[in-house]
PDB file of N, CA and C in Angstrom:
ATOM      1  N   MET A   1      98.957 123.460 107.322  1.00  0.00           N
ATOM      2  CA  MET A   1      98.680 123.418 105.906  1.00  0.00           C
ATOM      3  C   MET A   1      99.958 123.726 105.137  1.00  0.00           C
ATOM      4  N   ALA A   2     100.095 123.092 103.980  1.00  0.00           N
ATOM      5  CA  ALA A   2     101.302 123.264 103.182  1.00  0.00           C
ATOM      6  C   ALA A   2     100.928 123.510 101.731  1.00  0.00           C
ATOM      7  N   GLU A   3     101.448 124.586 101.145  1.00  0.00           N
ATOM      8  CA  GLU A   3     101.200 124.872  99.739  1.00  0.00           C
ATOM      9  C   GLU A   3     102.176 124.131  98.837  1.00  0.00           C
ATOM     10  N   ILE A   4     103.340 123.770  99.377  1.00  0.00           N
ATOM     11  CA  ILE A   4     104.350 123.029  98.634  1.00  0.00           C
ATOM     12  C   ILE A   4     104.753 121.828  99.481  1.00  0.00           C
ATOM     13  N   PHE A   5     104.885 120.676  98.844  1.00  0.00           N
ATOM     14  CA  PHE A   5     105.282 119.461  99.549  1.00  0.00           C
ATOM     15  C   PHE A   5     106.284 118.724  98.673  1.00  0.00           C
ATOM     16  N   VAL A   6     107.197 117.971  99.296  1.00  0.00           N
ATOM     17  CA  VAL A   6     108.274 117.304  98.569  1.00  0.00           C
ATOM     18  C   VAL A   6     108.267 115.800  98.850  1.00  0.00           C
ATOM     19  N   LEU A   7     108.444 115.002  97.795  1.00  0.00           N
ATOM     20  CA  LEU A   7     108.701 113.571  97.924  1.00  0.00           C
ATOM     21  C   LEU A   7     110.056 113.322  97.291  1.00  0.00           C
ATOM     22  N   ALA A   8     111.043 113.021  98.110  1.00  0.00           N
ATOM     23  CA  ALA A   8     112.412 112.865  97.612  1.00  0.00           C
ATOM     24  C   ALA A   8     113.244 112.134  98.655  1.00  0.00           C
ATOM     25  N   GLU A   9     114.523 111.969  98.338  1.00  0.00           N
ATOM     26  CA  GLU A   9     115.423 111.333  99.289  1.00  0.00           C
ATOM     27  C   GLU A   9     115.675 112.258 100.484  1.00  0.00           C
ATOM     28  N   GLU A  10     116.085 111.664 101.581  1.00  0.00           N
ATOM     29  CA  GLU A  10     116.218 112.357 102.865  1.00  0.00           C
ATOM     30  C   GLU A  10     117.079 113.620 102.788  1.00  0.00           C
ATOM     31  N   GLU A  11     118.189 113.576 102.069  1.00  0.00           N
ATOM     32  CA  GLU A  11     119.081 114.732 101.992  1.00  0.00           C
ATOM     33  C   GLU A  11     118.404 115.924 101.317  1.00  0.00           C
ATOM     34  N   ILE A  12     117.610 115.653 100.297  1.00  0.00           N
ATOM     35  CA  ILE A  12     116.864 116.726  99.630  1.00  0.00           C
ATOM     36  C   ILE A  12     115.816 117.297 100.572  1.00  0.00           C
ATOM     37  N   LEU A  13     115.165 116.426 101.354  1.00  0.00           N
ATOM     38  CA  LEU A  13     114.164 116.890 102.318  1.00  0.00           C
ATOM     39  C   LEU A  13     114.777 117.820 103.357  1.00  0.00           C
ATOM     40  N   ILE A  14     115.993 117.530 103.773  1.00  0.00           N
ATOM     41  CA  ILE A  14     116.679 118.386 104.746  1.00  0.00           C
ATOM     42  C   ILE A  14     116.869 119.779 104.162  1.00  0.00           C
ATOM     43  N   ALA A  15     117.296 119.839 102.905  1.00  0.00           N
ATOM     44  CA  ALA A  15     117.515 121.135 102.252  1.00  0.00           C
ATOM     45  C   ALA A  15     116.206 121.919 102.153  1.00  0.00           C
ATOM     46  N   PHE A  16     115.136 121.281 101.708  1.00  0.00           N
ATOM     47  CA  PHE A  16     113.848 121.970 101.623  1.00  0.00           C
ATOM     48  C   PHE A  16     113.327 122.342 103.011  1.00  0.00           C
ATOM     49  N   GLY A  17     113.569 121.483 103.991  1.00  0.00           N
ATOM     50  CA  GLY A  17     113.149 121.775 105.358  1.00  0.00           C
ATOM     51  C   GLY A  17     113.787 123.031 105.916  1.00  0.00           C
ATOM     52  N   MET A  18     115.012 123.332 105.477  1.00  0.00           N
ATOM     53  CA  MET A  18     115.698 124.544 105.939  1.00  0.00           C
ATOM     54  C   MET A  18     114.983 125.819 105.504  1.00  0.00           C
ATOM     55  N   ILE A  19     114.181 125.733 104.441  1.00  0.00           N
ATOM     56  CA  ILE A  19     113.421 126.912 104.018  1.00  0.00           C
ATOM     57  C   ILE A  19     111.928 126.756 104.333  1.00  0.00           C
ATOM     58  N   GLY A  20     111.619 125.792 105.201  1.00  0.00           N
ATOM     59  CA  GLY A  20     110.262 125.655 105.709  1.00  0.00           C
ATOM     60  C   GLY A  20     109.309 124.816 104.885  1.00  0.00           C
ATOM     61  N   ILE A  21     109.835 124.053 103.922  1.00  0.00           N
ATOM     62  CA  ILE A  21     108.977 123.211 103.093  1.00  0.00           C
ATOM     63  C   ILE A  21     109.035 121.776 103.618  1.00  0.00           C
ATOM     64  N   LYS A  22     107.865 121.225 103.914  1.00  0.00           N
ATOM     65  CA  LYS A  22     107.781 119.869 104.447  1.00  0.00           C
ATOM     66  C   LYS A  22     107.827 118.846 103.324  1.00  0.00           C
ATOM     67  N   GLY A  23     108.207 117.633 103.704  1.00  0.00           N
ATOM     68  CA  GLY A  23     108.257 116.573 102.727  1.00  0.00           C
ATOM     69  C   GLY A  23     108.367 115.221 103.377  1.00  0.00           C
ATOM     70  N   LYS A  24     108.385 114.197 102.534  1.00  0.00           N
ATOM     71  CA  LYS A  24     108.472 112.832 103.021  1.00  0.00           C
ATOM     72  C   LYS A  24     109.387 112.030 102.109  1.00  0.00           C
ATOM     73  N   SER A  25     110.160 111.161 102.718  1.00  0.00           N
ATOM     74  CA  SER A  25     110.996 110.224 101.987  1.00  0.00           C
ATOM     75  C   SER A  25     110.199 108.935 101.822  1.00  0.00           C
ATOM     76  N   VAL A  26     110.255 108.347 100.641  1.00  0.00           N
ATOM     77  CA  VAL A  26     109.540 107.093 100.401  1.00  0.00           C
ATOM     78  C   VAL A  26     110.535 105.965 100.174  1.00  0.00           C
ATOM     79  N   VAL A  27     110.110 104.764 100.545  1.00  0.00           N
ATOM     80  CA  VAL A  27     110.961 103.586 100.403  1.00  0.00           C
ATOM     81  C   VAL A  27     110.244 102.593  99.499  1.00  0.00           C
ATOM     82  N   GLY A  28     110.673 102.499  98.277  1.00  0.00           N
ATOM     83  CA  GLY A  28     110.107 101.527  97.348  1.00  0.00           C
ATOM     84  C   GLY A  28     108.889 102.029  96.602  1.00  0.00           C
ATOM     85  N   ARG A  29     108.542 101.264  95.577  1.00  0.00           N
ATOM     86  CA  ARG A  29     107.459 101.646  94.674  1.00  0.00           C
ATOM     87  C   ARG A  29     106.097 101.695  95.369  1.00  0.00           C
ATOM     88  N   ASP A  30     105.783 100.680  96.171  1.00  0.00           N
ATOM     89  CA  ASP A  30     104.480 100.636  96.844  1.00  0.00           C
ATOM     90  C   ASP A  30     104.289 101.827  97.767  1.00  0.00           C
ATOM     91  N   ASP A  31     105.325 102.170  98.527  1.00  0.00           N
ATOM     92  CA  ASP A  31     105.266 103.323  99.423  1.00  0.00           C
ATOM     93  C   ASP A  31     105.113 104.612  98.627  1.00  0.00           C
ATOM     94  N   ALA A  32     105.836 104.717  97.510  1.00  0.00           N
ATOM     95  CA  ALA A  32     105.760 105.922  96.674  1.00  0.00           C
ATOM     96  C   ALA A  32     104.356 106.110  96.115  1.00  0.00           C
ATOM     97  N   ILE A  33     103.763 105.030  95.594  1.00  0.00           N
ATOM     98  CA  ILE A  33     102.417 105.124  95.023  1.00  0.00           C
ATOM     99  C   ILE A  33     101.387 105.440  96.101  1.00  0.00           C
ATOM    100  N   ALA A  34     101.470 104.777  97.240  1.00  0.00           N
ATOM    101  CA  ALA A  34     100.514 105.020  98.332  1.00  0.00           C
ATOM    102  C   ALA A  34     100.614 106.454  98.834  1.00  0.00           C
ATOM    103  N   THR A  35     101.825 106.952  98.990  1.00  0.00           N
ATOM    104  CA  THR A  35     102.013 108.323  99.470  1.00  0.00           C
ATOM    105  C   THR A  35     101.512 109.322  98.442  1.00  0.00           C
ATOM    106  N   PHE A  36     101.836 109.098  97.164  1.00  0.00           N
ATOM    107  CA  PHE A  36     101.373 109.982  96.096  1.00  0.00           C
ATOM    108  C   PHE A  36      99.849 110.028  96.051  1.00  0.00           C
ATOM    109  N   ARG A  37      99.213 108.869  96.111  1.00  0.00           N
ATOM    110  CA  ARG A  37      97.744 108.826  96.105  1.00  0.00           C
ATOM    111  C   ARG A  37      97.154 109.555  97.305  1.00  0.00           C
ATOM    112  N   GLY A  38      97.774 109.377  98.470  1.00  0.00           N
ATOM    113  CA  GLY A  38      97.297 110.073  99.662  1.00  0.00           C
ATOM    114  C   GLY A  38      97.366 111.584  99.506  1.00  0.00           C
ATOM    115  N   ILE A  39      98.422 112.050  98.867  1.00  0.00           N
ATOM    116  CA  ILE A  39      98.594 113.492  98.691  1.00  0.00           C
ATOM    117  C   ILE A  39      97.594 114.047  97.676  1.00  0.00           C
ATOM    118  N   VAL A  40      97.501 113.433  96.501  1.00  0.00           N
ATOM    119  CA  VAL A  40      96.668 114.004  95.446  1.00  0.00           C
ATOM    120  C   VAL A  40      95.181 113.689  95.617  1.00  0.00           C
ATOM    121  N   ARG A  41      94.850 112.564  96.217  1.00  0.00           N
ATOM    122  CA  ARG A  41      93.435 112.205  96.369  1.00  0.00           C
ATOM    123  C   ARG A  41      92.864 112.613  97.724  1.00  0.00           C
ATOM    124  N   ASP A  42      93.577 112.249  98.789  1.00  0.00           N
ATOM    125  CA  ASP A  42      93.073 112.503 100.141  1.00  0.00           C
ATOM    126  C   ASP A  42      93.512 113.851 100.687  1.00  0.00           C
ATOM    127  N   LYS A  43      94.476 114.481 100.016  1.00  0.00           N
ATOM    128  CA  LYS A  43      95.018 115.780 100.428  1.00  0.00           C
ATOM    129  C   LYS A  43      95.598 115.730 101.835  1.00  0.00           C
ATOM    130  N   ALA A  44      96.282 114.617 102.143  1.00  0.00           N
ATOM    131  CA  ALA A  44      96.903 114.459 103.457  1.00  0.00           C
ATOM    132  C   ALA A  44      98.102 113.522 103.360  1.00  0.00           C
ATOM    133  N   CYS A  45      99.004 113.668 104.304  1.00  0.00           N
ATOM    134  CA  CYS A  45     100.174 112.798 104.397  1.00  0.00           C
ATOM    135  C   CYS A  45     100.572 112.726 105.863  1.00  0.00           C
ATOM    136  N   THR A  46     100.951 111.552 106.306  1.00  0.00           N
ATOM    137  CA  THR A  46     101.363 111.387 107.698  1.00  0.00           C
ATOM    138  C   THR A  46     102.875 111.321 107.781  1.00  0.00           C
ATOM    139  N   LEU A  47     103.438 112.216 108.578  1.00  0.00           N
ATOM    140  CA  LEU A  47     104.875 112.242 108.835  1.00  0.00           C
ATOM    141  C   LEU A  47     105.127 111.742 110.247  1.00  0.00           C
ATOM    142  N   GLU A  48     106.392 111.624 110.625  1.00  0.00           N
ATOM    143  CA  GLU A  48     106.736 111.171 111.977  1.00  0.00           C
ATOM    144  C   GLU A  48     106.139 112.088 113.038  1.00  0.00           C
ATOM    145  N   ARG A  49     106.046 113.366 112.726  1.00  0.00           N
ATOM    146  CA  ARG A  49     105.516 114.349 113.682  1.00  0.00           C
ATOM    147  C   ARG A  49     104.006 114.464 113.642  1.00  0.00           C
ATOM    148  N   GLY A  50     103.369 113.638 112.808  1.00  0.00           N
ATOM    149  CA  GLY A  50     101.919 113.665 112.727  1.00  0.00           C
ATOM    150  C   GLY A  50     101.433 113.967 111.321  1.00  0.00           C
ATOM    151  N   PRO A  51     100.103 114.080 111.165  1.00  0.00           N
ATOM    152  CA  PRO A  51      99.532 114.308 109.841  1.00  0.00           C
ATOM    153  C   PRO A  51      99.774 115.738 109.340  1.00  0.00           C
ATOM    154  N   VAL A  52      99.868 115.866 108.014  1.00  0.00           N
ATOM    155  CA  VAL A  52     100.014 117.167 107.375  1.00  0.00           C
ATOM    156  C   VAL A  52      98.795 117.383 106.490  1.00  0.00           C
ATOM    157  N   ASP A  53      98.123 118.517 106.672  1.00  0.00           N
ATOM    158  CA  ASP A  53      96.970 118.872 105.856  1.00  0.00           C
ATOM    159  C   ASP A  53      97.465 119.456 104.534  1.00  0.00           C
ATOM    160  N   LEU A  54      97.145 118.809 103.440  1.00  0.00           N
ATOM    161  CA  LEU A  54      97.579 119.268 102.120  1.00  0.00           C
ATOM    162  C   LEU A  54      96.410 119.735 101.263  1.00  0.00           C
ATOM    163  N   SER A  55      95.331 120.168 101.916  1.00  0.00           N
ATOM    164  CA  SER A  55      94.147 120.607 101.175  1.00  0.00           C
ATOM    165  C   SER A  55      94.414 121.843 100.327  1.00  0.00           C
ATOM    166  N   ASP A  56      95.428 122.630 100.686  1.00  0.00           N
ATOM    167  CA  ASP A  56      95.763 123.811  99.887  1.00  0.00           C
ATOM    168  C   ASP A  56      97.086 123.649  99.132  1.00  0.00           C
ATOM    169  N   CYS A  57      97.539 122.401  98.951  1.00  0.00           N
ATOM    170  CA  CYS A  57      98.805 122.134  98.263  1.00  0.00           C
ATOM    171  C   CYS A  57      98.678 122.492  96.787  1.00  0.00           C
ATOM    172  N   LYS A  58      99.551 123.384  96.336  1.00  0.00           N
ATOM    173  CA  LYS A  58      99.548 123.825  94.944  1.00  0.00           C
ATOM    174  C   LYS A  58     100.657 123.176  94.122  1.00  0.00           C
ATOM    175  N   MET A  59     101.740 122.748  94.797  1.00  0.00           N
ATOM    176  CA  MET A  59     102.883 122.181  94.087  1.00  0.00           C
ATOM    177  C   MET A  59     103.440 120.987  94.850  1.00  0.00           C
ATOM    178  N   LEU A  60     103.637 119.905  94.125  1.00  0.00           N
ATOM    179  CA  LEU A  60     104.257 118.709  94.670  1.00  0.00           C
ATOM    180  C   LEU A  60     105.573 118.511  93.943  1.00  0.00           C
ATOM    181  N   ILE A  61     106.670 118.584  94.668  1.00  0.00           N
ATOM    182  CA  ILE A  61     107.996 118.426  94.092  1.00  0.00           C
ATOM    183  C   ILE A  61     108.419 116.974  94.283  1.00  0.00           C
ATOM    184  N   LEU A  62     108.779 116.321  93.177  1.00  0.00           N
ATOM    185  CA  LEU A  62     109.211 114.930  93.199  1.00  0.00           C
ATOM    186  C   LEU A  62     110.626 114.833  92.649  1.00  0.00           C
ATOM    187  N   SER A  63     111.463 114.051  93.305  1.00  0.00           N
ATOM    188  CA  SER A  63     112.751 113.766  92.679  1.00  0.00           C
ATOM    189  C   SER A  63     112.475 112.783  91.547  1.00  0.00           C
ATOM    190  N   GLU A  64     113.315 112.803  90.518  1.00  0.00           N
ATOM    191  CA  GLU A  64     113.084 111.960  89.345  1.00  0.00           C
ATOM    192  C   GLU A  64     113.033 110.479  89.696  1.00  0.00           C
ATOM    193  N   ASP A  65     113.800 110.055  90.700  1.00  0.00           N
ATOM    194  CA  ASP A  65     113.754 108.643  91.072  1.00  0.00           C
ATOM    195  C   ASP A  65     112.388 108.272  91.655  1.00  0.00           C
ATOM    196  N   VAL A  66     111.779 109.181  92.408  1.00  0.00           N
ATOM    197  CA  VAL A  66     110.437 108.936  92.944  1.00  0.00           C
ATOM    198  C   VAL A  66     109.417 108.964  91.810  1.00  0.00           C
ATOM    199  N   SER A  67     109.525 109.921  90.899  1.00  0.00           N
ATOM    200  CA  SER A  67     108.566 109.989  89.792  1.00  0.00           C
ATOM    201  C   SER A  67     108.666 108.749  88.904  1.00  0.00           C
ATOM    202  N   ASP A  68     109.864 108.203  88.751  1.00  0.00           N
ATOM    203  CA  ASP A  68     110.023 106.967  87.982  1.00  0.00           C
ATOM    204  C   ASP A  68     109.324 105.796  88.676  1.00  0.00           C
ATOM    205  N   MET A  69     109.336 105.772  90.004  1.00  0.00           N
ATOM    206  CA  MET A  69     108.657 104.710  90.751  1.00  0.00           C
ATOM    207  C   MET A  69     107.147 104.787  90.568  1.00  0.00           C
ATOM    208  N   ILE A  70     106.622 106.001  90.490  1.00  0.00           N
ATOM    209  CA  ILE A  70     105.173 106.196  90.389  1.00  0.00           C
ATOM    210  C   ILE A  70     104.680 105.908  88.974  1.00  0.00           C
ATOM    211  N   GLY A  71     105.481 106.256  87.981  1.00  0.00           N
ATOM    212  CA  GLY A  71     105.210 105.923  86.587  1.00  0.00           C
ATOM    213  C   GLY A  71     103.886 106.380  86.023  1.00  0.00           C
ATOM    214  N   GLU A  72     103.067 105.410  85.617  1.00  0.00           N
ATOM    215  CA  GLU A  72     101.809 105.701  84.931  1.00  0.00           C
ATOM    216  C   GLU A  72     100.842 106.509  85.788  1.00  0.00           C
ATOM    217  N   GLU A  73     100.837 106.244  87.070  1.00  0.00           N
ATOM    218  CA  GLU A  73      99.970 106.997  87.988  1.00  0.00           C
ATOM    219  C   GLU A  73     100.283 108.496  87.897  1.00  0.00           C
ATOM    220  N   LEU A  74     101.566 108.828  87.832  1.00  0.00           N
ATOM    221  CA  LEU A  74     101.996 110.223  87.717  1.00  0.00           C
ATOM    222  C   LEU A  74     101.578 110.817  86.380  1.00  0.00           C
ATOM    223  N   SER A  75     101.761 110.078  85.310  1.00  0.00           N
ATOM    224  CA  SER A  75     101.384 110.564  83.975  1.00  0.00           C
ATOM    225  C   SER A  75      99.891 110.882  83.909  1.00  0.00           C
ATOM    226  N   GLU A  76      99.068 110.006  84.445  1.00  0.00           N
ATOM    227  CA  GLU A  76      97.624 110.237  84.456  1.00  0.00           C
ATOM    228  C   GLU A  76      97.278 111.500  85.231  1.00  0.00           C
ATOM    229  N   TRP A  77      97.945 111.700  86.370  1.00  0.00           N
ATOM    230  CA  TRP A  77      97.674 112.887  87.178  1.00  0.00           C
ATOM    231  C   TRP A  77      98.072 114.158  86.428  1.00  0.00           C
ATOM    232  N   GLN A  78      99.239 114.157  85.797  1.00  0.00           N
ATOM    233  CA  GLN A  78      99.704 115.332  85.068  1.00  0.00           C
ATOM    234  C   GLN A  78      98.759 115.677  83.921  1.00  0.00           C
ATOM    235  N   LEU A  79      98.232 114.682  83.242  1.00  0.00           N
ATOM    236  CA  LEU A  79      97.316 114.927  82.131  1.00  0.00           C
ATOM    237  C   LEU A  79      95.949 115.422  82.603  1.00  0.00           C
ATOM    238  N   SER A  80      95.612 115.174  83.861  1.00  0.00           N
ATOM    239  CA  SER A  80      94.311 115.604  84.372  1.00  0.00           C
ATOM    240  C   SER A  80      94.235 117.117  84.536  1.00  0.00           C
ATOM    241  N   GLY A  81      95.379 117.775  84.704  1.00  0.00           N
ATOM    242  CA  GLY A  81      95.401 119.224  84.865  1.00  0.00           C
ATOM    243  C   GLY A  81      94.989 119.686  86.254  1.00  0.00           C
ATOM    244  N   ALA A  82      94.844 118.780  87.187  1.00  0.00           N
ATOM    245  CA  ALA A  82      94.414 119.128  88.543  1.00  0.00           C
ATOM    246  C   ALA A  82      95.609 119.538  89.414  1.00  0.00           C
ATOM    247  N   PHE A  83      95.307 120.206  90.519  1.00  0.00           N
ATOM    248  CA  PHE A  83      96.345 120.548  91.491  1.00  0.00           C
ATOM    249  C   PHE A  83      96.512 119.396  92.456  1.00  0.00           C
ATOM    250  N   PRO A  84      97.699 119.167  92.975  1.00  0.00           N
ATOM    251  CA  PRO A  84      98.869 120.020  92.872  1.00  0.00           C
ATOM    252  C   PRO A  84      99.630 119.845  91.555  1.00  0.00           C
ATOM    253  N   LEU A  85     100.282 120.915  91.150  1.00  0.00           N
ATOM    254  CA  LEU A  85     101.167 120.893  90.000  1.00  0.00           C
ATOM    255  C   LEU A  85     102.374 120.041  90.372  1.00  0.00           C
ATOM    256  N   ILE A  86     102.826 119.196  89.459  1.00  0.00           N
ATOM    257  CA  ILE A  86     103.967 118.318  89.722  1.00  0.00           C
ATOM    258  C   ILE A  86     105.223 118.927  89.116  1.00  0.00           C
ATOM    259  N   VAL A  87     106.265 119.051  89.929  1.00  0.00           N
ATOM    260  CA  VAL A  87     107.555 119.554  89.474  1.00  0.00           C
ATOM    261  C   VAL A  87     108.594 118.489  89.798  1.00  0.00           C
ATOM    262  N   GLU A  88     109.349 118.081  88.781  1.00  0.00           N
ATOM    263  CA  GLU A  88     110.383 117.064  88.979  1.00  0.00           C
ATOM    264  C   GLU A  88     111.749 117.730  89.100  1.00  0.00           C
ATOM    265  N   ILE A  89     112.533 117.224  90.042  1.00  0.00           N
ATOM    266  CA  ILE A  89     113.900 117.703  90.223  1.00  0.00           C
ATOM    267  C   ILE A  89     114.838 116.501  90.159  1.00  0.00           C
ATOM    268  N   PRO A  90     116.076 116.719  89.737  1.00  0.00           N
ATOM    269  CA  PRO A  90     117.003 115.586  89.686  1.00  0.00           C
ATOM    270  C   PRO A  90     117.376 115.125  91.090  1.00  0.00           C
ATOM    271  N   PRO A  91     117.626 113.830  91.264  1.00  0.00           N
ATOM    272  CA  PRO A  91     118.078 113.335  92.567  1.00  0.00           C
ATOM    273  C   PRO A  91     119.531 113.736  92.790  1.00  0.00           C
ATOM    274  N   LEU A  92     120.028 113.526  93.987  1.00  0.00           N
ATOM    275  CA  LEU A  92     121.414 113.883  94.294  1.00  0.00           C
ATOM    276  C   LEU A  92     122.404 113.102  93.446  1.00  0.00           C
ATOM    277  N   SER A  93     122.017 111.910  93.022  1.00  0.00           N
ATOM    278  CA  SER A  93     122.909 111.087  92.201  1.00  0.00           C
ATOM    279  C   SER A  93     122.998 111.587  90.769  1.00  0.00           C
ATOM    280  N   GLY A  94     122.200 112.576  90.410  1.00  0.00           N
ATOM    281  CA  GLY A  94     122.207 113.111  89.054  1.00  0.00           C
ATOM    282  C   GLY A  94     121.080 112.532  88.231  1.00  0.00           C
ATOM    283  N   SER A  95     120.795 113.193  87.144  1.00  0.00           N
ATOM    284  CA  SER A  95     119.707 112.794  86.272  1.00  0.00           C
ATOM    285  C   SER A  95     120.187 111.763  85.263  1.00  0.00           C
ATOM    286  N   PRO A  96     119.439 110.668  85.092  1.00  0.00           N
ATOM    287  CA  PRO A  96     119.841 109.682  84.091  1.00  0.00           C
ATOM    288  C   PRO A  96     119.803 110.291  82.690  1.00  0.00           C
ATOM    289  N   ALA A  97     120.730 109.887  81.832  1.00  0.00           N
ATOM    290  CA  ALA A  97     120.824 110.445  80.489  1.00  0.00           C
ATOM    291  C   ALA A  97     119.559 110.184  79.670  1.00  0.00           C
ATOM    292  N   GLN A  98     118.893 109.046  79.901  1.00  0.00           N
ATOM    293  CA  GLN A  98     117.723 108.720  79.115  1.00  0.00           C
ATOM    294  C   GLN A  98     116.460 109.412  79.605  1.00  0.00           C
ATOM    295  N   HIS A  99     116.505 110.093  80.720  1.00  0.00           N
ATOM    296  CA  HIS A  99     115.319 110.757  81.258  1.00  0.00           C
ATOM    297  C   HIS A  99     114.980 111.986  80.423  1.00  0.00           C
ATOM    298  N   THR A 100     113.831 111.980  79.787  1.00  0.00           N
ATOM    299  CA  THR A 100     113.424 113.094  78.938  1.00  0.00           C
ATOM    300  C   THR A 100     112.567 114.047  79.746  1.00  0.00           C
ATOM    301  N   HIS A 101     112.965 115.283  79.776  1.00  0.00           N
ATOM    302  CA  HIS A 101     112.191 116.297  80.478  1.00  0.00           C
ATOM    303  C   HIS A 101     111.058 116.778  79.581  1.00  0.00           C
ATOM    304  N   LEU A 102     109.916 117.021  80.166  1.00  0.00           N
ATOM    305  CA  LEU A 102     108.746 117.449  79.426  1.00  0.00           C
ATOM    306  C   LEU A 102     109.029 118.721  78.638  1.00  0.00           C
ATOM    307  N   VAL A 103     109.678 119.687  79.256  1.00  0.00           N
ATOM    308  CA  VAL A 103     109.975 120.951  78.584  1.00  0.00           C
ATOM    309  C   VAL A 103     110.858 120.708  77.365  1.00  0.00           C
ATOM    310  N   ASP A 104     111.867 119.856  77.497  1.00  0.00           N
ATOM    311  CA  ASP A 104     112.746 119.543  76.363  1.00  0.00           C
ATOM    312  C   ASP A 104     111.978 118.858  75.244  1.00  0.00           C
ATOM    313  N   ALA A 105     111.077 117.952  75.603  1.00  0.00           N
ATOM    314  CA  ALA A 105     110.283 117.244  74.597  1.00  0.00           C
ATOM    315  C   ALA A 105     109.362 118.205  73.849  1.00  0.00           C
ATOM    316  N   VAL A 106     108.756 119.147  74.580  1.00  0.00           N
ATOM    317  CA  VAL A 106     107.879 120.136  73.949  1.00  0.00           C
ATOM    318  C   VAL A 106     108.678 121.034  73.021  1.00  0.00           C
ATOM    319  N   ARG A 107     109.827 121.500  73.483  1.00  0.00           N
ATOM    320  CA  ARG A 107     110.673 122.352  72.634  1.00  0.00           C
ATOM    321  C   ARG A 107     111.060 121.635  71.354  1.00  0.00           C
ATOM    322  N   LYS A 108     111.427 120.370  71.466  1.00  0.00           N
ATOM    323  CA  LYS A 108     111.816 119.604  70.287  1.00  0.00           C
ATOM    324  C   LYS A 108     110.637 119.411  69.353  1.00  0.00           C
ATOM    325  N   ALA A 109     109.476 119.152  69.921  1.00  0.00           N
ATOM    326  CA  ALA A 109     108.277 118.899  69.122  1.00  0.00           C
ATOM    327  C   ALA A 109     107.830 120.124  68.341  1.00  0.00           C
ATOM    328  N   ILE A 110     107.917 121.302  68.951  1.00  0.00           N
ATOM    329  CA  ILE A 110     107.443 122.510  68.255  1.00  0.00           C
ATOM    330  C   ILE A 110     108.569 123.254  67.566  1.00  0.00           C
ATOM    331  N   GLY A 111     109.805 122.815  67.764  1.00  0.00           N
ATOM    332  CA  GLY A 111     110.919 123.366  67.025  1.00  0.00           C
ATOM    333  C   GLY A 111     111.410 124.730  67.464  1.00  0.00           C
ATOM    334  N   ILE A 112     111.323 125.023  68.752  1.00  0.00           N
ATOM    335  CA  ILE A 112     111.841 126.304  69.226  1.00  0.00           C
ATOM    336  C   ILE A 112     113.094 126.075  70.054  1.00  0.00           C
ATOM    337  N   LYS A 113     113.920 127.078  70.051  1.00  0.00           N
ATOM    338  CA  LYS A 113     115.133 127.024  70.860  1.00  0.00           C
ATOM    339  C   LYS A 113     115.291 128.375  71.538  1.00  0.00           C
ATOM    340  N   ILE A 114     115.292 128.364  72.864  1.00  0.00           N
ATOM    341  CA  ILE A 114     115.406 129.595  73.637  1.00  0.00           C
ATOM    342  C   ILE A 114     116.802 129.676  74.212  1.00  0.00           C
ATOM    343  N   LYS A 115     117.457 130.800  73.975  1.00  0.00           N
ATOM    344  CA  LYS A 115     118.816 130.985  74.501  1.00  0.00           C
ATOM    345  C   LYS A 115     118.821 132.075  75.534  1.00  0.00           C
TER     346      LYS A 115
END
């Protein structure tokens, strides 16, 4: 069972694996959507070493490139308020300038600035 799971590029998975967090690398949009649906709906994911039970998964970490592939499916899930909680991290190539972070958008909308 895994409380935290990662969908990102292989190098990021290696880093998370060093602290005991499992994850999967996806190839292309179809694979990303199928894997995401399997995690949030079926609460399971199959890795090379076999299936992973994600019934107690509380947090799903996605690199921004993977979240961009999932698109609307991800937005619908985030608005549902269901677990797992989605956390986006920048890919190794860096975050695109046009990528708006939810926290930044909320801060701008309500007019607060935290230093």
